[in-house]
Amino acid sequence: MEPIEIPNTPVQASLPAETKPEHAAIAPMWHTVALIAILILFSWGNAQSDHSKMMKHGVAPFYLLTMIWEWILFFYVWWGIRKRKVTMKELVGGRWNKVEDALIDVVIAASFWFVALIVLALLAKLLHLTGGAGQFEEVRKQIGFLVPHSAIEVAMWVGLCATAGICEEVVFRGYLQRQFAAMGRNVWVGIVLSGICFGSAHGYEGVRRMMLIAVYGMMFGVLAHYRKSLRPGMMAHGLHDLVTGLVLRAFIK
């Protein structure tokens, strides 16, 4: 009897969740640990700084230094993901093949921002961050130094907001969220931990506002996960910072 030949075909089996690309590390873990340490130290330093001294010379130098710092973090992430042969295009995700694609992301960004404002307003009320002259004075002390005044400062503020929208979404939602998801083998672990890191990076805003920002970061994480792109988040992030600064400018003299 002749032997029966078995075709040499690969076994088609579904991959377990932990081996899917979205749960794969995109950079060495030492690189991630170093980034988290840098963010914590920078946040702590900002929290300890006397920002009133900075206001004596205007905020333009601070805007410039902050933009430089944000891009340093951006390129640090880019350097880390290159070690795993991941491109920045892959990290950002999404493609605009036609004008309609970009418009869809604009609508998503605007809708997300509107819903997020409602959620944040409710959460701020629960944390007693709204209402009363005392609360306004607290906000003025914590973030009043960031408000632009002159035309040059307003122009630089626009650049800073665009920079924050791009760089911070890449760092927190593109990089850290993916890394934490790989560590925890769960995308929601990535969303929660990256949101906490996002809040922790804003030490100058005080503990309660850091909690609010952490929740906001988690909302951005959900958006990035379901849209499979950082583009809407980048637009919503930049828009939020821009409007916040201009509104505060109207009330803080």
Protein backbone atom coordinates (compact mmCIF):
# COMPACT_ATOMS: atom_id res chain seq x y z
CA MET A 1 0.00 0.00 0.00
CA GLU A 2 1.34 3.42 -0.95
CA PRO A 3 1.69 5.95 1.87
CA ILE A 4 -0.98 8.62 2.05
CA GLU A 5 0.43 12.07 1.42
CA ILE A 6 -0.80 14.82 3.73
CA PRO A 7 -0.86 18.24 2.09
CA ASN A 8 1.61 20.64 3.65
CA THR A 9 -0.86 23.40 4.47
CA PRO A 10 -0.63 25.66 7.51
CA VAL A 11 -3.15 25.19 10.26
CA GLN A 12 -5.59 28.08 10.26
CA ALA A 13 -6.30 28.92 13.86
CA SER A 14 -7.47 32.11 15.42
CA LEU A 15 -4.80 33.94 17.33
CA PRO A 16 -5.32 34.52 21.03
CA ALA A 17 -6.07 38.10 22.03
CA GLU A 18 -2.66 38.68 23.53
CA THR A 19 -0.89 38.05 20.24
CA LYS A 20 -2.91 40.48 18.16
CA PRO A 21 -0.99 43.47 16.80
CA GLU A 22 -2.84 45.93 19.06
CA HIS A 23 -1.43 44.08 22.06
CA ALA A 24 2.13 43.93 20.77
CA ALA A 25 4.77 46.19 22.31
CA ILE A 26 5.87 48.92 19.91
CA ALA A 27 9.07 49.89 21.73
CA PRO A 28 11.49 48.42 24.30
CA MET A 29 10.13 48.51 27.84
CA TRP A 30 13.22 50.36 29.15
CA HIS A 31 12.34 53.12 26.71
CA THR A 32 8.81 53.33 28.15
CA VAL A 33 10.01 53.33 31.77
CA ALA A 34 12.42 56.16 30.97
CA LEU A 35 9.64 58.18 29.32
CA ILE A 36 7.31 57.77 32.31
CA ALA A 37 10.10 58.85 34.67
CA ILE A 38 10.78 61.91 32.52
CA LEU A 39 7.09 62.87 32.47
CA ILE A 40 6.77 62.51 36.26
CA LEU A 41 9.90 64.56 36.95
CA PHE A 42 8.81 67.26 34.52
CA SER A 43 5.33 67.39 36.06
CA TRP A 44 6.75 67.60 39.57
CA GLY A 45 9.11 70.37 38.51
CA ASN A 46 6.24 72.34 37.00
CA ALA A 47 4.18 71.90 40.15
CA GLN A 48 7.04 73.30 42.25
CA SER A 49 7.83 76.23 39.95
CA ASP A 50 6.95 79.81 40.80
CA HIS A 51 5.09 80.72 37.63
CA SER A 52 4.38 84.26 38.82
CA LYS A 53 8.02 85.15 38.12
CA MET A 54 7.60 83.95 34.56
CA MET A 55 4.68 86.32 33.98
CA LYS A 56 6.90 89.35 34.60
CA HIS A 57 8.58 88.74 31.26
CA GLY A 58 5.50 87.54 29.42
CA VAL A 59 4.62 83.98 28.51
CA ALA A 60 6.09 83.90 24.99
CA PRO A 61 9.43 82.38 26.17
CA PHE A 62 7.50 79.74 28.13
CA TYR A 63 5.39 78.90 25.06
CA LEU A 64 8.53 78.51 22.96
CA LEU A 65 10.29 76.28 25.51
CA THR A 66 7.14 74.18 25.93
CA MET A 67 6.83 73.65 22.19
CA ILE A 68 10.47 72.59 22.01
CA TRP A 69 9.95 70.19 24.91
CA GLU A 70 6.83 68.68 23.32
CA TRP A 71 8.69 67.99 20.08
CA ILE A 72 11.60 66.47 22.00
CA LEU A 73 9.12 64.00 23.53
CA PHE A 74 7.65 63.38 20.06
CA PHE A 75 11.03 62.47 18.60
CA TYR A 76 11.91 60.41 21.66
CA VAL A 77 8.81 58.31 20.94
CA TRP A 78 9.74 58.14 17.26
CA TRP A 79 13.21 56.90 18.21
CA GLY A 80 11.73 54.22 20.47
CA ILE A 81 9.21 52.82 17.99
CA ARG A 82 11.87 52.66 15.28
CA LYS A 83 13.64 50.05 17.40
CA ARG A 84 10.62 47.78 16.80
CA LYS A 85 10.34 48.85 13.15
CA VAL A 86 7.09 50.72 13.76
CA THR A 87 6.59 53.88 11.72
CA MET A 88 5.02 57.12 12.92
CA LYS A 89 2.41 56.70 10.19
CA GLU A 90 1.41 53.36 11.68
CA LEU A 91 1.32 54.85 15.16
CA VAL A 92 -0.96 57.72 14.14
CA GLY A 93 -3.22 55.51 12.03
CA GLY A 94 -6.02 56.58 9.72
CA ARG A 95 -5.70 57.68 6.12
CA TRP A 96 -7.14 60.63 4.25
CA ASN A 97 -7.45 59.42 0.68
CA LYS A 98 -9.98 62.11 -0.20
CA VAL A 99 -11.41 65.31 1.22
CA GLU A 100 -14.41 63.48 2.62
CA ASP A 101 -12.12 61.39 4.86
CA ALA A 102 -10.70 64.52 6.46
CA LEU A 103 -14.15 66.05 6.89
CA ILE A 104 -15.40 62.92 8.65
CA ASP A 105 -12.57 63.21 11.17
CA VAL A 106 -13.35 66.91 11.65
CA VAL A 107 -16.98 66.07 12.44
CA ILE A 108 -15.90 63.26 14.79
CA ALA A 109 -13.46 65.59 16.56
CA ALA A 110 -16.07 68.33 17.01
CA SER A 111 -18.72 65.87 18.22
CA PHE A 112 -16.29 64.25 20.64
CA TRP A 113 -15.26 67.62 22.03
CA PHE A 114 -18.88 68.67 22.58
CA VAL A 115 -19.74 65.44 24.41
CA ALA A 116 -16.48 65.57 26.40
CA LEU A 117 -17.28 69.12 27.60
CA ILE A 118 -20.58 67.91 29.01
CA VAL A 119 -18.95 64.95 30.77
CA LEU A 120 -16.14 67.11 32.15
CA ALA A 121 -18.60 69.74 33.37
CA LEU A 122 -20.55 67.11 35.31
CA LEU A 123 -17.38 65.61 36.72
CA ALA A 124 -16.05 69.05 37.66
CA LYS A 125 -19.25 69.69 39.58
CA LEU A 126 -18.82 66.42 41.49
CA LEU A 127 -15.24 67.42 42.33
CA HIS A 128 -16.40 70.91 43.35
CA LEU A 129 -14.30 72.55 40.66
CA THR A 130 -17.00 74.89 39.41
CA GLY A 131 -18.88 77.83 40.80
CA GLY A 132 -18.03 80.66 43.13
CA ALA A 133 -15.36 83.35 43.16
CA GLY A 134 -13.10 81.09 45.21
CA GLN A 135 -13.04 78.43 42.51
CA PHE A 136 -12.28 81.03 39.83
CA GLU A 137 -9.42 82.37 41.93
CA GLU A 138 -8.05 78.84 42.29
CA VAL A 139 -8.11 78.37 38.51
CA ARG A 140 -6.43 81.75 38.04
CA LYS A 141 -3.61 80.78 40.38
CA GLN A 142 -3.11 77.35 38.83
CA ILE A 143 -3.26 78.06 35.11
CA GLY A 144 -3.62 81.84 34.84
CA PHE A 145 0.07 82.15 33.98
CA LEU A 146 -0.61 80.32 30.70
CA VAL A 147 -3.09 82.86 29.36
CA PRO A 148 -1.92 84.85 26.31
CA HIS A 149 -2.33 88.64 26.34
CA SER A 150 -0.56 90.34 23.44
CA ALA A 151 -1.16 89.59 19.77
CA ILE A 152 2.21 87.82 19.56
CA GLU A 153 1.34 85.67 22.55
CA VAL A 154 -2.02 84.75 21.02
CA ALA A 155 -0.28 83.71 17.80
CA MET A 156 2.22 81.63 19.76
CA TRP A 157 -0.63 80.15 21.81
CA VAL A 158 -2.19 78.87 18.58
CA GLY A 159 1.12 77.22 17.69
CA LEU A 160 1.43 75.75 21.17
CA CYS A 161 -2.09 74.29 21.02
CA ALA A 162 -1.40 72.70 17.64
CA THR A 163 1.86 71.29 18.99
CA ALA A 164 0.16 69.88 22.08
CA GLY A 165 -2.58 68.31 19.98
CA ILE A 166 -0.08 66.48 17.80
CA CYS A 167 2.69 65.63 20.24
CA GLU A 168 0.65 64.73 23.32
CA GLU A 169 -1.70 62.48 21.37
CA VAL A 170 1.30 60.68 19.90
CA VAL A 171 2.96 60.31 23.31
CA PHE A 172 -0.05 59.35 25.41
CA ARG A 173 -2.63 57.78 23.08
CA GLY A 174 -0.34 56.56 20.34
CA TYR A 175 2.64 55.31 22.34
CA LEU A 176 1.85 54.84 26.03
CA GLN A 177 -1.63 53.47 25.41
CA ARG A 178 -0.26 50.81 23.07
CA GLN A 179 2.60 49.96 25.43
CA PHE A 180 0.35 49.62 28.49
CA ALA A 181 -2.10 47.52 26.46
CA ALA A 182 0.79 45.22 25.55
CA MET A 183 1.85 44.96 29.20
CA GLY A 184 -1.66 44.22 30.43
CA ARG A 185 -2.72 42.19 27.39
CA ASN A 186 -5.86 44.34 27.33
CA VAL A 187 -6.66 47.53 25.47
CA TRP A 188 -8.64 48.93 28.41
CA VAL A 189 -5.60 48.64 30.64
CA GLY A 190 -3.82 50.80 28.09
CA ILE A 191 -6.62 53.36 28.01
CA VAL A 192 -6.84 53.69 31.79
CA LEU A 193 -3.10 53.77 32.51
CA SER A 194 -2.30 56.19 29.71
CA GLY A 195 -5.11 58.44 30.97
CA ILE A 196 -3.63 58.38 34.47
CA CYS A 197 -0.23 59.28 33.02
CA PHE A 198 -1.83 62.11 31.08
CA GLY A 199 -3.39 63.52 34.25
CA SER A 200 -0.18 63.03 36.22
CA ALA A 201 1.76 65.01 33.62
CA HIS A 202 -0.23 68.15 34.51
CA GLY A 203 1.09 68.64 38.02
CA TYR A 204 0.84 72.44 37.84
CA GLU A 205 -2.97 72.21 37.72
CA GLY A 206 -3.43 70.71 41.18
CA VAL A 207 -4.59 67.27 42.32
CA ARG A 208 -8.32 67.63 41.62
CA ARG A 209 -7.82 69.05 38.15
CA MET A 210 -5.29 66.30 37.45
CA MET A 211 -8.07 63.79 38.18
CA LEU A 212 -10.30 65.60 35.71
CA ILE A 213 -7.57 65.61 33.08
CA ALA A 214 -6.94 61.89 33.64
CA VAL A 215 -10.59 61.13 32.82
CA TYR A 216 -10.34 63.39 29.77
CA GLY A 217 -7.27 61.44 28.69
CA MET A 218 -9.18 58.17 29.00
CA MET A 219 -11.93 59.61 26.79
CA PHE A 220 -9.31 60.47 24.17
CA GLY A 221 -8.03 56.91 24.54
CA VAL A 222 -11.46 55.46 23.79
CA LEU A 223 -11.73 57.72 20.74
CA ALA A 224 -8.32 56.62 19.45
CA HIS A 225 -9.13 52.95 20.02
CA TYR A 226 -12.46 52.90 18.21
CA ARG A 227 -11.43 55.26 15.42
CA LYS A 228 -8.09 53.45 14.97
CA SER A 229 -6.55 56.84 14.43
CA LEU A 230 -5.09 59.71 16.46
CA ARG A 231 -6.21 62.34 13.95
CA PRO A 232 -9.62 63.24 15.47
CA GLY A 233 -8.06 63.32 18.93
CA MET A 234 -5.30 65.63 17.74
CA MET A 235 -7.86 68.08 16.36
CA ALA A 236 -10.12 67.92 19.43
CA HIS A 237 -7.12 68.28 21.78
CA GLY A 238 -5.75 71.32 19.98
CA LEU A 239 -9.21 72.90 19.74
CA HIS A 240 -9.87 72.39 23.45
CA ASP A 241 -6.59 74.02 24.49
CA LEU A 242 -7.10 76.89 22.06
CA VAL A 243 -10.63 77.71 23.21
CA THR A 244 -9.70 77.32 26.89
CA GLY A 245 -6.86 79.82 26.57
CA LEU A 246 -8.95 82.36 24.66
CA VAL A 247 -11.86 82.09 27.10
CA LEU A 248 -9.57 82.56 30.10
CA ARG A 249 -7.94 85.50 28.31
CA ALA A 250 -11.34 87.20 28.21
CA PHE A 251 -11.79 86.87 31.98
CA ILE A 252 -8.26 87.04 33.40
CA LYS A 253 -6.55 90.38 33.11
